[in-house]
């Protein structure tokens, strides 16, 4: 094995480093070294299941959705890197990715994408037809996402539509239909994603500006902390509305207090100029997912 470069925000370089070069390249391409991504994709799925009342009775569904999140997040990253390979080569944080660095060929990446998609198909077959149909609709959003940074200042909003879709899938799988609670839960998740992905985008602001890539972090400029805070407040308000739809009790929104406190900490302590500050706050959103999940379990059970 030879030394293979990794991007700066890798979480498990030691484990990935034990793999042979080719397998290491595929693992890096699917972001297996950065599990934060699949947790952020999984949590809205879990919220939909829990708020619909299926947190305990449908625990096997949660396991399938976690597997699907891992596979489809990996597939999405592979597709994104295939589309963005030329842009990635121009950005300091991403030029070490497997395709622009030459570790994985574009042809091998397409094969790997197909393999991960097959795992996603297995998970899809575990769902009732209505929920499976809802899940399939999201593929159009996924396919368009890599191009959004070229046409809008708000690709984070599009990512929110994609990463939050599991809330609808989980709800429909448990209940068999839609409801206002599910719509509010989904909308709140979209606002949450815009907030945390804006924080993530802060790492690339200078390079993005040079190569012409757009982002909400650039659009907000010096008001980024206020912007993130406003999206987090929006998320909390919409989540509170979703909980209220299930249990019209003044105590129901109180279940969100731990999540609200954590989101307030993120926005208040965000320091874009400090190395590692934005990345640390971005990663902490895995705990927000857990806290909101607990709120959905308390109210939905």
Protein backbone atom coordinates (compact mmCIF):
# COMPACT_ATOMS: atom_id res chain seq x y z
CA UNK A 1 0.00 0.00 0.00
CA UNK A 2 1.12 3.57 -0.68
CA UNK A 3 0.20 6.80 0.98
CA UNK A 4 -3.07 8.11 -0.39
CA UNK A 5 -4.02 11.73 0.19
CA UNK A 6 -7.25 12.44 2.03
CA UNK A 7 -9.29 15.61 2.20
CA UNK A 8 -8.83 17.71 5.36
CA UNK A 9 -12.24 16.88 6.87
CA UNK A 10 -11.81 13.10 6.86
CA UNK A 11 -12.83 11.59 10.21
CA UNK A 12 -11.19 8.16 10.11
CA UNK A 13 -7.92 8.38 8.14
CA UNK A 14 -6.36 5.58 10.17
CA UNK A 15 -9.06 3.01 9.39
CA UNK A 16 -9.23 3.97 5.73
CA UNK A 17 -5.44 3.83 5.55
CA UNK A 18 -5.50 0.11 6.32
CA UNK A 19 -7.24 -0.68 3.03
CA UNK A 20 -5.43 -1.47 -0.24
CA UNK A 21 -5.16 1.54 -2.53
CA UNK A 22 -8.05 0.71 -4.87
CA UNK A 23 -10.46 -0.17 -2.06
CA UNK A 24 -9.30 2.90 -0.19
CA UNK A 25 -10.13 5.04 -3.19
CA UNK A 26 -13.65 3.59 -3.43
CA UNK A 27 -14.20 4.04 0.31
CA UNK A 28 -13.09 7.66 0.10
CA UNK A 29 -15.24 8.23 -2.97
CA UNK A 30 -18.33 7.06 -1.07
CA UNK A 31 -17.25 9.10 2.00
CA UNK A 32 -17.10 6.04 4.24
CA UNK A 33 -14.42 7.94 6.15
CA UNK A 34 -17.00 10.62 7.00
CA UNK A 35 -20.08 8.97 8.57
CA UNK A 36 -21.53 12.38 9.46
CA UNK A 37 -23.13 12.44 6.01
CA UNK A 38 -25.14 9.28 6.37
CA UNK A 39 -26.30 10.30 9.87
CA UNK A 40 -27.56 13.60 8.50
CA UNK A 41 -29.42 11.70 5.77
CA UNK A 42 -30.78 9.09 8.19
CA UNK A 43 -32.13 11.30 10.95
CA UNK A 44 -35.04 12.82 8.97
CA UNK A 45 -36.06 9.26 8.00
CA UNK A 46 -36.05 8.30 11.67
CA UNK A 47 -38.01 11.41 12.63
CA UNK A 48 -40.77 10.54 10.17
CA UNK A 49 -41.03 7.01 11.56
CA UNK A 50 -40.95 8.17 15.19
CA UNK A 51 -43.43 11.03 14.86
CA UNK A 52 -45.82 8.65 13.10
CA UNK A 53 -45.64 6.37 16.13
CA UNK A 54 -43.42 3.62 14.73
CA UNK A 55 -40.18 4.14 16.67
CA UNK A 56 -40.48 0.90 18.64
CA UNK A 57 -42.84 -1.27 16.60
CA UNK A 58 -40.93 -0.61 13.38
CA UNK A 59 -37.34 -0.83 14.67
CA UNK A 60 -36.43 -3.09 11.75
CA UNK A 61 -37.57 -0.34 9.38
CA UNK A 62 -35.15 2.05 11.10
CA UNK A 63 -32.33 -0.44 10.51
CA UNK A 64 -33.21 -0.71 6.81
CA UNK A 65 -33.41 3.07 6.48
CA UNK A 66 -29.97 3.41 8.07
CA UNK A 67 -28.54 0.94 5.57
CA UNK A 68 -30.26 2.81 2.76
CA UNK A 69 -28.87 6.12 4.04
CA UNK A 70 -25.33 4.75 4.04
CA UNK A 71 -25.64 3.31 0.53
CA UNK A 72 -27.49 6.21 -1.07
CA UNK A 73 -25.37 8.87 0.56
CA UNK A 74 -22.37 7.02 -0.85
CA UNK A 75 -23.99 6.78 -4.27
CA UNK A 76 -24.86 10.49 -4.18
CA UNK A 77 -21.27 11.41 -3.32
CA UNK A 78 -19.90 9.26 -6.14
CA UNK A 79 -22.30 10.87 -8.63
CA UNK A 80 -21.48 14.34 -7.31
CA UNK A 81 -17.73 13.70 -7.67
CA UNK A 82 -18.14 12.42 -11.22
CA UNK A 83 -20.01 15.59 -12.20
CA UNK A 84 -17.75 17.92 -10.20
CA UNK A 85 -14.37 16.35 -10.99
CA UNK A 86 -13.11 19.42 -12.88
CA UNK A 87 -14.27 21.86 -10.19
CA UNK A 88 -12.88 19.66 -7.42
CA UNK A 89 -9.45 19.80 -9.03
CA UNK A 90 -9.45 23.60 -8.59
CA UNK A 91 -10.44 23.69 -4.90
CA UNK A 92 -7.78 23.12 -2.24
CA UNK A 93 -10.03 21.07 0.07
CA UNK A 94 -11.30 18.75 -2.67
CA UNK A 95 -8.44 18.30 -5.15
CA UNK A 96 -7.26 15.26 -3.16
CA UNK A 97 -10.55 13.43 -3.79
CA UNK A 98 -10.15 10.07 -5.57
CA UNK A 99 -11.22 11.15 -9.08
CA UNK A 100 -9.31 14.45 -9.48
CA UNK A 101 -6.26 12.91 -7.78
CA UNK A 102 -6.31 9.97 -10.23
CA UNK A 103 -6.79 7.27 -7.59
CA UNK A 104 -10.14 6.16 -9.08
CA UNK A 105 -11.02 6.36 -12.77
CA UNK A 106 -14.33 7.78 -13.94
CA UNK A 107 -15.28 4.36 -15.33
CA UNK A 108 -14.62 2.66 -11.99
CA UNK A 109 -16.63 5.38 -10.29
CA UNK A 110 -19.66 4.63 -12.47
CA UNK A 111 -19.41 0.92 -11.63
CA UNK A 112 -19.16 1.75 -7.91
CA UNK A 113 -22.19 4.02 -8.25
CA UNK A 114 -24.18 1.15 -9.75
CA UNK A 115 -23.16 -1.22 -6.94
CA UNK A 116 -24.21 1.23 -4.22
CA UNK A 117 -27.48 1.87 -6.04
CA UNK A 118 -28.23 -1.85 -6.00
CA UNK A 119 -27.97 -1.81 -2.21
CA UNK A 120 -30.39 1.09 -2.21
CA UNK A 121 -32.75 -0.94 -4.41
CA UNK A 122 -32.73 -3.79 -1.89
CA UNK A 123 -33.77 -1.32 0.81
CA UNK A 124 -36.43 0.16 -1.47
CA UNK A 125 -38.01 -3.29 -1.89
CA UNK A 126 -38.57 -3.48 1.87
CA UNK A 127 -41.00 -0.54 1.74
CA UNK A 128 -44.68 -0.52 0.95
CA UNK A 129 -45.39 0.61 -2.65
CA UNK A 130 -46.54 4.11 -1.69
CA UNK A 131 -43.45 4.81 0.41
CA UNK A 132 -41.22 3.31 -2.29
CA UNK A 133 -42.81 5.60 -4.87
CA UNK A 134 -42.15 8.63 -2.65
CA UNK A 135 -38.51 7.54 -2.30
CA UNK A 136 -38.07 7.14 -6.06
CA UNK A 137 -39.32 10.69 -6.71
CA UNK A 138 -36.31 12.01 -4.77
CA UNK A 139 -33.94 10.66 -7.43
CA UNK A 140 -34.80 13.60 -9.69
CA UNK A 141 -33.73 16.00 -6.94
CA UNK A 142 -30.53 14.02 -6.37
CA UNK A 143 -29.65 14.05 -10.06
CA UNK A 144 -30.02 17.83 -10.30
CA UNK A 145 -28.16 18.72 -7.11
CA UNK A 146 -24.53 18.82 -8.43
CA UNK A 147 -25.54 21.44 -10.98
CA UNK A 148 -27.26 23.78 -8.51
CA UNK A 149 -24.03 25.45 -7.37
CA UNK A 150 -23.60 26.62 -10.97
CA UNK A 151 -27.03 28.25 -11.32
CA UNK A 152 -28.10 29.49 -7.87
CA UNK A 153 -26.63 31.07 -4.76
CA UNK A 154 -28.68 28.60 -2.72
CA UNK A 155 -27.53 25.05 -3.56
CA UNK A 156 -27.87 24.42 0.18
CA UNK A 157 -31.65 24.81 -0.20
CA UNK A 158 -31.67 22.13 -2.89
CA UNK A 159 -29.59 19.87 -0.66
CA UNK A 160 -32.21 20.48 2.02
CA UNK A 161 -34.91 19.16 -0.30
CA UNK A 162 -32.81 16.03 -0.93
CA UNK A 163 -31.51 15.29 2.57
CA UNK A 164 -34.91 15.87 4.20
CA UNK A 165 -36.89 13.63 1.85
CA UNK A 166 -36.56 10.66 4.18
CA UNK A 167 -38.94 12.33 6.64
CA UNK A 168 -41.73 11.89 4.07
CA UNK A 169 -40.66 8.34 3.25
CA UNK A 170 -40.62 7.30 6.92
CA UNK A 171 -43.99 8.89 7.62
CA UNK A 172 -45.71 7.36 4.57
CA UNK A 173 -44.23 3.93 5.32
CA UNK A 174 -45.76 3.94 8.81
CA UNK A 175 -49.08 5.69 8.13
CA UNK A 176 -49.74 4.94 4.48
CA UNK A 177 -50.43 8.59 3.59
CA UNK A 178 -49.47 12.23 4.01
CA UNK A 179 -50.38 14.69 6.76
CA UNK A 180 -49.66 18.28 7.74
CA UNK A 181 -47.36 17.03 10.51
CA UNK A 182 -45.15 15.31 7.94
CA UNK A 183 -45.05 18.41 5.74
CA UNK A 184 -44.01 20.60 8.69
CA UNK A 185 -41.40 18.07 9.78
CA UNK A 186 -39.99 18.01 6.24
CA UNK A 187 -39.97 21.80 5.89
CA UNK A 188 -38.22 22.16 9.24
CA UNK A 189 -35.57 19.72 8.13
CA UNK A 190 -35.00 21.71 4.92
CA UNK A 191 -34.35 24.84 6.98
CA UNK A 192 -32.02 22.89 9.28
CA UNK A 193 -30.03 21.56 6.32
CA UNK A 194 -29.64 25.05 4.86
CA UNK A 195 -28.25 26.17 8.19
CA UNK A 196 -25.72 23.42 8.74
CA UNK A 197 -24.63 23.18 5.10
CA UNK A 198 -24.02 26.93 5.06
CA UNK A 199 -21.67 26.34 7.99
CA UNK A 200 -19.96 23.57 6.02
CA UNK A 201 -19.64 25.80 2.95
CA UNK A 202 -17.70 28.37 4.99
CA UNK A 203 -14.62 26.17 4.55
CA UNK A 204 -14.60 26.78 0.79
CA UNK A 205 -15.63 30.41 0.49
CA UNK A 206 -12.35 31.72 -0.92
CA UNK A 207 -11.87 28.88 -3.41
CA UNK A 208 -15.54 28.94 -4.42
CA UNK A 209 -15.31 32.65 -5.19
CA UNK A 210 -12.22 32.09 -7.34
CA UNK A 211 -13.68 29.27 -9.45
CA UNK A 212 -17.18 30.74 -9.71
CA UNK A 213 -19.03 28.27 -7.49
CA UNK A 214 -22.02 29.74 -5.64
CA UNK A 215 -23.13 29.04 -2.08
CA UNK A 216 -25.31 30.45 0.68
CA UNK A 217 -22.14 31.10 2.69
CA UNK A 218 -20.96 33.50 -0.02
CA UNK A 219 -24.42 35.01 -0.44
CA UNK A 220 -24.79 35.77 3.27
CA UNK A 221 -21.32 37.28 3.45
CA UNK A 222 -20.59 38.96 6.78
CA UNK A 223 -24.15 38.21 7.94
CA UNK A 224 -23.61 34.45 7.86
CA UNK A 225 -24.01 33.95 11.62
CA UNK A 226 -27.33 35.78 11.62
CA UNK A 227 -28.44 33.89 8.51
CA UNK A 228 -27.65 30.50 10.04
CA UNK A 229 -29.43 31.51 13.25
CA UNK A 230 -32.57 32.54 11.33
CA UNK A 231 -32.71 29.24 9.45
CA UNK A 232 -32.31 27.35 12.72
CA UNK A 233 -35.14 29.38 14.31
CA UNK A 234 -37.29 28.58 11.28
CA UNK A 235 -36.47 24.88 11.64
CA UNK A 236 -37.43 24.87 15.32
CA UNK A 237 -40.71 26.69 14.65
CA UNK A 238 -41.70 24.22 11.92
CA UNK A 239 -40.71 21.22 14.05
CA UNK A 240 -42.75 22.62 16.93
CA UNK A 241 -45.72 22.88 14.57
CA UNK A 242 -45.24 19.25 13.53
CA UNK A 243 -45.21 18.11 17.17
CA UNK A 244 -48.30 20.22 17.88
CA UNK A 245 -50.16 18.47 15.06
CA UNK A 246 -49.57 15.16 16.82
CA UNK A 247 -50.19 16.34 20.37
CA UNK A 248 -51.89 19.71 20.89
CA UNK A 249 -50.32 20.20 24.30
CA UNK A 250 -48.22 23.20 25.37
CA UNK A 251 -45.64 20.76 26.68
CA UNK A 252 -45.12 19.08 23.29
CA UNK A 253 -42.78 21.77 21.85
CA UNK A 254 -40.81 21.69 25.12
CA UNK A 255 -39.35 18.40 23.88
CA UNK A 256 -37.34 20.50 21.41
CA UNK A 257 -35.60 22.60 24.08
CA UNK A 258 -32.36 20.51 24.11
CA UNK A 259 -32.12 20.75 20.31
CA UNK A 260 -32.88 24.49 20.44
CA UNK A 261 -30.13 25.05 22.99
CA UNK A 262 -27.60 23.19 20.86
CA UNK A 263 -28.54 25.08 17.70
CA UNK A 264 -28.26 28.37 19.60
CA UNK A 265 -24.76 27.35 20.69
CA UNK A 266 -23.77 26.62 17.09
CA UNK A 267 -24.88 30.00 15.80
CA UNK A 268 -23.56 31.99 18.77
CA UNK A 269 -20.09 30.44 18.70
CA UNK A 270 -19.62 30.28 14.93
CA UNK A 271 -16.29 31.87 13.99
CA UNK A 272 -15.72 31.53 10.23
CA UNK A 273 -12.13 32.79 10.45
CA UNK A 274 -11.02 30.20 13.02
CA UNK A 275 -9.57 26.96 11.63
CA UNK A 276 -11.79 23.99 12.46
CA UNK A 277 -14.56 26.08 14.02
CA UNK A 278 -17.06 25.65 11.18
CA UNK A 279 -16.27 21.97 10.67
CA UNK A 280 -16.74 21.19 14.37
CA UNK A 281 -20.13 22.90 14.47
CA UNK A 282 -21.21 21.23 11.26
CA UNK A 283 -20.36 17.78 12.63
CA UNK A 284 -22.22 18.47 15.85
CA UNK A 285 -25.48 18.31 13.89
CA UNK A 286 -25.46 14.53 14.22
CA UNK A 287 -26.41 15.20 17.87
CA UNK A 288 -29.15 17.59 16.80
CA UNK A 289 -30.56 14.71 14.77
CA UNK A 290 -30.60 12.52 17.88
CA UNK A 291 -32.17 15.24 20.04
CA UNK A 292 -34.97 15.87 17.52
CA UNK A 293 -35.44 12.10 17.22
CA UNK A 294 -35.98 11.86 20.99
CA UNK A 295 -38.52 14.68 20.78
CA UNK A 296 -40.39 12.82 18.03
CA UNK A 297 -40.34 9.60 20.07
CA UNK A 298 -41.72 11.35 23.17
CA UNK A 299 -44.53 13.07 21.29
CA UNK A 300 -45.28 10.39 18.71
CA UNK A 301 -45.35 7.34 20.98
